[in-house]
Amino acid sequence: MDNLIDIARTALRASPARWNELTTCFPRELLSRAPLPGEWSAVQCLQHLIDGERFVFPVRVKGFLAGQDIVDFDQETQGTKAVSTPAELAAEFAKLRKANLKLLERVTPADLDRESVHSALGRVTLGEMINEWVAHDLMHMVQAERAVMQPFIADCGAWKRFFTDYDVEARPNP
């Protein structure tokens, strides 16, 4: 992708405002509601993104720039639990993201081909990791919005058929 760094910065810069809107628009109960047992609520998605902004992405960018290998992050053992209000989590995410965008300013197009060995994935490039960062960010926003959507889908009557791709009740049983 041409202009990966600029596109990534723009996409990553937009996320804190989206989370701020989501966490101020909906009540905590709805943001904490998982769509199905074992799936993440919007709050859990946001906490996971905070963990990434704190423990994963800045460490990896610095590792690539320093020529160091990078270690896998295990959400189950290294992830933290949300203890703040959704709005406080959104503010924390915004603060961490701002710092990481400053770090991303140090990356040049020539750096995108820098390689590192990831403990679980093997040889990876900084460009691949930046693509993953943006995709990861967007994926968890979609996941959070899907979780918040569920009660609205359930109660929209005849329009429900338009939401089958997002309706957890419409999924076939495994």
Protein backbone atom coordinates (compact mmCIF):
# COMPACT_ATOMS: atom_id res chain seq x y z
CA MET A 1 0.00 0.00 0.00
CA ASP A 2 1.36 3.39 -0.95
CA ASN A 3 1.66 5.89 1.88
CA LEU A 4 1.16 3.21 4.56
CA ILE A 5 2.60 5.36 7.32
CA ASP A 6 0.34 8.34 6.54
CA ILE A 7 -2.76 6.17 6.16
CA ALA A 8 -1.95 4.29 9.37
CA ARG A 9 -1.47 7.53 11.30
CA THR A 10 -4.77 8.90 10.03
CA ALA A 11 -6.68 5.71 10.86
CA LEU A 12 -5.07 5.31 14.28
CA ARG A 13 -5.65 8.99 15.08
CA ALA A 14 -9.41 8.59 14.43
CA SER A 15 -10.01 5.77 16.90
CA PRO A 16 -9.91 7.68 20.20
CA ALA A 17 -12.70 10.00 19.05
CA ARG A 18 -14.80 7.01 17.98
CA TRP A 19 -14.30 5.37 21.38
CA ASN A 20 -15.11 8.60 23.16
CA GLU A 21 -18.39 8.85 21.22
CA LEU A 22 -19.27 5.21 21.91
CA THR A 23 -18.54 5.46 25.63
CA THR A 24 -20.44 8.70 26.12
CA CYS A 25 -23.39 7.75 23.93
CA PHE A 26 -24.35 4.44 25.57
CA PRO A 27 -24.85 3.42 29.20
CA ARG A 28 -22.23 1.33 30.99
CA GLU A 29 -24.58 -1.66 31.17
CA LEU A 30 -24.87 -1.80 27.39
CA LEU A 31 -21.13 -1.28 26.86
CA SER A 32 -20.42 -4.10 29.34
CA ARG A 33 -22.84 -6.55 27.71
CA ALA A 34 -21.25 -9.42 25.78
CA PRO A 35 -23.21 -10.42 22.66
CA LEU A 36 -22.79 -14.12 23.51
CA PRO A 37 -21.12 -16.02 26.33
CA GLY A 38 -17.39 -16.10 25.69
CA GLU A 39 -17.43 -13.06 23.39
CA TRP A 40 -16.13 -9.65 24.37
CA SER A 41 -18.22 -6.65 25.29
CA ALA A 42 -17.33 -3.18 24.02
CA VAL A 43 -15.58 -2.43 27.34
CA GLN A 44 -13.49 -5.59 27.03
CA CYS A 45 -12.51 -4.60 23.47
CA LEU A 46 -11.47 -1.17 24.69
CA GLN A 47 -9.45 -2.59 27.58
CA HIS A 48 -7.72 -4.93 25.14
CA LEU A 49 -6.83 -1.99 22.91
CA ILE A 50 -5.44 -0.16 25.94
CA ASP A 51 -3.27 -3.19 26.70
CA GLY A 52 -2.04 -3.08 23.11
CA GLU A 53 -1.24 0.62 23.35
CA ARG A 54 0.59 0.07 26.63
CA PHE A 55 2.34 -3.30 26.26
CA VAL A 56 2.39 -4.29 22.59
CA PHE A 57 2.64 -1.70 19.83
CA PRO A 58 5.13 0.75 21.35
CA VAL A 59 7.35 -2.14 22.44
CA ARG A 60 7.24 -3.63 18.95
CA VAL A 61 7.91 -0.36 17.11
CA LYS A 62 10.89 0.33 19.39
CA GLY A 63 12.08 -3.25 18.92
CA PHE A 64 11.98 -3.01 15.14
CA LEU A 65 13.79 0.33 15.17
CA ALA A 66 16.46 -1.08 17.53
CA GLY A 67 16.90 -4.29 15.53
CA GLN A 68 15.56 -6.47 18.35
CA ASP A 69 13.31 -9.52 18.24
CA ILE A 70 9.76 -9.17 19.55
CA VAL A 71 7.83 -11.34 21.96
CA ASP A 72 4.25 -12.52 21.49
CA PHE A 73 1.55 -10.96 23.69
CA ASP A 74 -0.85 -13.41 25.35
CA GLN A 75 -4.11 -11.65 26.18
CA GLU A 76 -5.14 -14.45 28.53
CA THR A 77 -2.10 -14.16 30.79
CA GLN A 78 -0.87 -10.60 30.18
CA GLY A 79 -4.10 -8.71 29.56
CA THR A 80 -5.60 -6.51 32.24
CA LYS A 81 -9.20 -6.15 33.39
CA ALA A 82 -11.21 -2.95 33.09
CA VAL A 83 -11.67 -1.27 36.46
CA SER A 84 -12.52 2.24 35.28
CA THR A 85 -15.69 3.65 33.78
CA PRO A 86 -16.01 3.37 29.99
CA ALA A 87 -15.40 7.12 29.63
CA GLU A 88 -12.24 6.87 31.76
CA LEU A 89 -11.06 3.95 29.63
CA ALA A 90 -11.65 5.99 26.47
CA ALA A 91 -9.61 8.85 27.94
CA GLU A 92 -6.77 6.47 28.87
CA PHE A 93 -6.83 5.00 25.38
CA ALA A 94 -6.64 8.49 23.86
CA LYS A 95 -3.65 9.40 26.03
CA LEU A 96 -1.76 6.21 25.15
CA ARG A 97 -2.63 6.46 21.45
CA LYS A 98 -1.38 10.06 21.32
CA ALA A 99 2.00 8.95 22.69
CA ASN A 100 2.17 6.05 20.25
CA LEU A 101 1.36 8.30 17.30
CA LYS A 102 4.37 10.40 18.31
CA LEU A 103 6.44 7.20 18.29
CA LEU A 104 5.08 6.34 14.84
CA GLU A 105 6.36 9.71 13.59
CA ARG A 106 9.87 8.27 13.96
CA VAL A 107 9.12 5.58 11.36
CA THR A 108 10.20 6.33 7.80
CA PRO A 109 9.26 4.51 4.59
CA ALA A 110 12.75 2.95 4.59
CA ASP A 111 11.99 1.43 8.03
CA LEU A 112 8.99 -0.54 6.73
CA ASP A 113 11.26 -3.32 5.44
CA ARG A 114 13.04 -3.74 8.78
CA GLU A 115 12.74 -7.34 9.92
CA SER A 116 12.42 -8.86 13.34
CA VAL A 117 11.73 -12.34 14.63
CA HIS A 118 8.41 -12.60 16.43
CA SER A 119 8.40 -15.37 19.06
CA ALA A 120 5.19 -16.94 17.71
CA LEU A 121 5.06 -15.82 14.07
CA GLY A 122 8.66 -15.94 12.93
CA ARG A 123 10.19 -13.35 10.61
CA VAL A 124 8.00 -10.24 10.20
CA THR A 125 8.52 -6.70 8.93
CA LEU A 126 7.68 -3.39 10.52
CA GLY A 127 5.38 -2.65 7.57
CA GLU A 128 3.43 -5.85 8.25
CA MET A 129 3.16 -4.96 11.92
CA ILE A 130 1.83 -1.47 11.11
CA ASN A 131 -0.79 -3.04 8.82
CA GLU A 132 -1.71 -5.43 11.64
CA TRP A 133 -1.97 -2.52 14.11
CA VAL A 134 -4.52 -0.72 11.94
CA ALA A 135 -6.48 -3.90 11.15
CA HIS A 136 -6.47 -4.88 14.85
CA ASP A 137 -7.71 -1.42 15.82
CA LEU A 138 -10.55 -1.46 13.29
CA MET A 139 -11.48 -5.09 14.04
CA HIS A 140 -12.04 -4.39 17.72
CA MET A 141 -14.09 -1.27 16.94
CA VAL A 142 -16.33 -3.38 14.69
CA GLN A 143 -16.49 -6.08 17.39
CA ALA A 144 -17.47 -3.51 20.03
CA GLU A 145 -20.12 -1.93 17.85
CA ARG A 146 -21.52 -5.38 17.03
CA ALA A 147 -21.82 -6.11 20.76
CA VAL A 148 -23.63 -2.81 21.38
CA MET A 149 -25.95 -3.44 18.42
CA GLN A 150 -27.53 -6.63 19.77
CA PRO A 151 -30.43 -5.25 21.85
CA PHE A 152 -31.33 -2.84 19.04
CA ILE A 153 -31.34 -5.67 16.51
CA ALA A 154 -33.42 -7.86 18.82
CA ASP A 155 -36.09 -5.17 19.18
CA CYS A 156 -36.32 -3.78 15.64
CA GLY A 157 -39.21 -6.02 14.56
CA ALA A 158 -39.66 -6.56 10.82
CA TRP A 159 -36.34 -4.79 10.08
CA LYS A 160 -34.41 -7.52 11.92
CA ARG A 161 -33.88 -9.43 8.67
CA PHE A 162 -31.60 -6.63 7.45
CA PHE A 163 -29.14 -7.36 10.25
CA THR A 164 -28.55 -11.09 9.85
CA ASP A 165 -24.81 -10.56 9.29
CA TYR A 166 -24.57 -8.90 12.72
CA ASP A 167 -27.31 -10.66 14.69
CA VAL A 168 -25.79 -13.21 17.08
CA GLU A 169 -29.18 -14.95 17.35
CA ALA A 170 -29.24 -15.54 13.56
CA ARG A 171 -25.96 -17.48 13.58
CA PRO A 172 -26.21 -21.17 12.82
CA ASN A 173 -25.37 -23.37 15.79
CA PRO A 174 -22.01 -25.16 15.46
